[in-house]
């Protein structure tokens, strides 16, 4: 679920034939987006993340919001975003990231400070897993800049490299906050 994506779709509703929304496991936030789109009269289909490659067949574009963009031009977003980006690349579908420029983070992916990546609770995946089954429930992941066609921000359209440079320019802000 992304407010930026919802607003972009609604602002261009007359040019949108159909929106396919991935469910957003484990908390199923995609359902919320699907409901909002239908309430606004947008033809909407809800799928599991596992169906993303198949669902992209015939798509005009792939679009995500972002929690942050990093100093190398990569984006941080909900798990499943990288799968969408890979499937888009494989099928020749442009992959766009909607991100407010306030979401800058100067780090490179390997430099992200501990604790920044949120991890969901194991019970969100399987509430009563059998003994011996280890559950991993990462909430966010990095989408490499090489998979991103363009960023769309409130300041216009940018290349991933431009977003990376912009994020790196914020190092002083983060240093002043005592984080970097």
Protein backbone atom coordinates (compact mmCIF):
# COMPACT_ATOMS: atom_id res chain seq x y z
CA UNK A 1 0.00 0.00 0.00
CA UNK A 2 1.42 3.35 -0.99
CA UNK A 3 -0.22 6.74 -0.64
CA UNK A 4 2.02 8.08 -3.42
CA UNK A 5 0.98 5.29 -5.79
CA UNK A 6 -2.70 5.73 -4.91
CA UNK A 7 -2.53 9.47 -5.57
CA UNK A 8 -0.65 8.97 -8.85
CA UNK A 9 -3.19 6.44 -10.11
CA UNK A 10 -6.14 8.61 -9.13
CA UNK A 11 -4.57 11.70 -10.73
CA UNK A 12 -4.24 9.73 -13.99
CA UNK A 13 -7.38 7.64 -13.65
CA UNK A 14 -8.63 8.57 -17.12
CA UNK A 15 -5.51 6.91 -18.60
CA UNK A 16 -5.52 3.81 -16.37
CA UNK A 17 -7.32 0.76 -17.73
CA UNK A 18 -6.53 -1.56 -14.81
CA UNK A 19 -4.28 -1.75 -11.77
CA UNK A 20 -2.81 -5.00 -10.47
CA UNK A 21 -1.94 -4.85 -6.78
CA UNK A 22 0.22 -7.38 -4.95
CA UNK A 23 -1.23 -8.34 -1.59
CA UNK A 24 1.78 -7.21 0.49
CA UNK A 25 2.52 -10.09 2.82
CA UNK A 26 2.77 -10.58 5.68
CA UNK A 27 0.46 -7.75 6.79
CA UNK A 28 -1.54 -7.68 3.53
CA UNK A 29 -1.39 -3.91 3.05
CA UNK A 30 -2.09 -4.38 -0.67
CA UNK A 31 -5.67 -5.21 0.23
CA UNK A 32 -6.10 -1.69 1.59
CA UNK A 33 -4.83 -0.18 -1.65
CA UNK A 34 -7.08 -2.45 -3.72
CA UNK A 35 -10.16 -1.42 -1.71
CA UNK A 36 -9.34 2.30 -2.07
CA UNK A 37 -8.83 1.96 -5.84
CA UNK A 38 -12.14 0.12 -6.30
CA UNK A 39 -13.93 2.75 -4.19
CA UNK A 40 -12.58 5.37 -6.61
CA UNK A 41 -13.83 3.41 -9.63
CA UNK A 42 -10.48 1.98 -10.78
CA UNK A 43 -10.57 -1.56 -12.21
CA UNK A 44 -8.38 -3.49 -9.79
CA UNK A 45 -7.02 -7.01 -9.51
CA UNK A 46 -5.37 -8.33 -6.32
CA UNK A 47 -2.67 -11.01 -6.61
CA UNK A 48 -0.13 -12.77 -4.40
CA UNK A 49 3.51 -11.74 -4.76
CA UNK A 50 4.25 -15.15 -6.27
CA UNK A 51 2.11 -14.17 -9.28
CA UNK A 52 3.98 -10.95 -10.05
CA UNK A 53 5.95 -12.22 -13.07
CA UNK A 54 2.83 -13.62 -14.73
CA UNK A 55 0.73 -10.57 -13.89
CA UNK A 56 3.24 -8.25 -15.58
CA UNK A 57 2.67 -9.84 -18.98
CA UNK A 58 1.16 -7.11 -21.11
CA UNK A 59 1.65 -4.40 -18.46
CA UNK A 60 2.64 -0.89 -19.51
CA UNK A 61 4.65 -0.17 -16.36
CA UNK A 62 5.46 -1.31 -12.84
CA UNK A 63 5.21 1.21 -10.02
CA UNK A 64 6.11 1.21 -6.33
CA UNK A 65 6.36 3.74 -3.56
CA UNK A 66 9.50 3.77 -1.42
CA UNK A 67 10.42 3.98 2.22
CA UNK A 68 13.80 5.50 1.31
CA UNK A 69 16.30 5.95 -1.46
CA UNK A 70 19.99 5.33 -0.82
CA UNK A 71 23.28 6.87 -1.83
CA UNK A 72 23.77 4.52 -4.77
CA UNK A 73 20.34 5.27 -6.27
CA UNK A 74 18.72 2.10 -4.97
CA UNK A 75 15.31 2.15 -3.27
CA UNK A 76 14.19 0.60 -0.01
CA UNK A 77 10.65 -0.73 0.01
CA UNK A 78 8.48 -3.60 1.17
CA UNK A 79 9.66 -7.13 0.45
CA UNK A 80 8.33 -8.17 -2.95
CA UNK A 81 9.47 -4.93 -4.60
CA UNK A 82 12.69 -6.51 -5.87
CA UNK A 83 10.73 -9.41 -7.38
CA UNK A 84 8.56 -6.88 -9.20
CA UNK A 85 11.65 -5.02 -10.45
CA UNK A 86 13.30 -8.24 -11.66
CA UNK A 87 10.13 -9.39 -13.40
CA UNK A 88 9.74 -5.96 -15.02
CA UNK A 89 13.31 -6.09 -16.32
CA UNK A 90 12.83 -9.61 -17.67
CA UNK A 91 9.68 -8.57 -19.53
CA UNK A 92 10.92 -5.19 -20.76
CA UNK A 93 8.42 -3.27 -18.60
CA UNK A 94 9.61 0.11 -17.23
CA UNK A 95 9.98 0.12 -13.43
CA UNK A 96 9.26 3.43 -11.69
CA UNK A 97 9.68 4.43 -8.06
CA UNK A 98 7.52 7.21 -6.58
CA UNK A 99 9.45 8.82 -3.75
CA UNK A 100 9.20 12.11 -1.94
CA UNK A 101 12.65 13.65 -1.74
CA UNK A 102 12.31 13.76 2.06
CA UNK A 103 12.95 9.99 2.01
CA UNK A 104 16.66 10.39 1.33
CA UNK A 105 19.18 8.25 3.19
CA UNK A 106 22.86 8.77 2.32
CA UNK A 107 24.05 5.24 3.03
CA UNK A 108 25.01 2.61 0.53
CA UNK A 109 23.05 -0.65 0.99
CA UNK A 110 25.95 -2.33 2.81
CA UNK A 111 26.26 0.66 5.17
CA UNK A 112 22.68 0.82 6.44
CA UNK A 113 22.95 1.16 10.23
CA UNK A 114 21.74 -1.75 12.38
CA UNK A 115 18.10 -1.51 13.35
CA UNK A 116 17.02 0.40 10.24
CA UNK A 117 15.66 -2.75 8.57
CA UNK A 118 12.46 -3.66 10.35
CA UNK A 119 11.70 -7.32 10.79
CA UNK A 120 8.18 -8.61 11.19
CA UNK A 121 7.19 -11.09 13.83
CA UNK A 122 7.40 -14.80 12.91
CA UNK A 123 3.72 -15.22 13.91
CA UNK A 124 2.75 -13.00 10.97
CA UNK A 125 3.93 -15.74 8.62
CA UNK A 126 2.90 -18.83 10.60
CA UNK A 127 1.22 -18.41 13.96
CA UNK A 128 1.96 -21.95 15.18
CA UNK A 129 4.98 -23.19 13.26
CA UNK A 130 6.19 -26.67 14.16
CA UNK A 131 9.33 -27.01 16.26
CA UNK A 132 12.45 -26.81 14.13
CA UNK A 133 10.97 -24.54 11.45
CA UNK A 134 12.85 -21.26 11.45
CA UNK A 135 10.80 -18.35 10.10
CA UNK A 136 12.30 -15.28 8.50
CA UNK A 137 10.03 -12.30 8.10
CA UNK A 138 11.98 -9.34 6.74
CA UNK A 139 9.76 -6.37 6.09
CA UNK A 140 11.94 -4.29 3.75
CA UNK A 141 14.50 -4.91 1.03
CA UNK A 142 16.66 -2.99 -1.39
CA UNK A 143 15.80 -2.62 -5.07
CA UNK A 144 19.12 -2.00 -6.87
CA UNK A 145 19.45 1.16 -8.95
CA UNK A 146 20.19 -1.02 -11.99
CA UNK A 147 16.57 -2.27 -11.91
CA UNK A 148 14.98 1.19 -11.61
CA UNK A 149 14.02 2.96 -14.83
CA UNK A 150 13.20 6.34 -13.24
CA UNK A 151 12.28 7.96 -9.98
CA UNK A 152 9.26 10.24 -9.91
CA UNK A 153 9.41 12.87 -7.17
CA UNK A 154 7.59 16.05 -6.29
CA UNK A 155 10.48 17.80 -8.07
CA UNK A 156 10.11 15.85 -11.30
CA UNK A 157 11.56 12.77 -12.93
CA UNK A 158 15.09 11.70 -12.00
CA UNK A 159 17.57 9.01 -12.95
CA UNK A 160 18.63 6.60 -10.18
CA UNK A 161 22.13 8.16 -10.24
CA UNK A 162 20.63 11.59 -9.64
CA UNK A 163 18.64 10.28 -6.68
CA UNK A 164 21.80 8.65 -5.30
CA UNK A 165 23.72 11.93 -5.52
CA UNK A 166 20.82 13.73 -3.87
CA UNK A 167 20.75 11.17 -1.05
CA UNK A 168 24.52 11.44 -0.52
CA UNK A 169 24.15 15.21 -0.22
CA UNK A 170 22.15 14.62 2.98
CA UNK A 171 25.07 13.13 4.91
CA UNK A 172 25.47 16.31 6.97
CA UNK A 173 21.79 16.26 7.97
CA UNK A 174 22.07 12.69 9.23
CA UNK A 175 25.41 13.46 10.94
CA UNK A 176 23.79 16.36 12.77
CA UNK A 177 21.10 13.96 13.98
CA UNK A 178 23.82 11.68 15.38
CA UNK A 179 22.88 8.76 13.13
CA UNK A 180 25.73 8.80 10.62
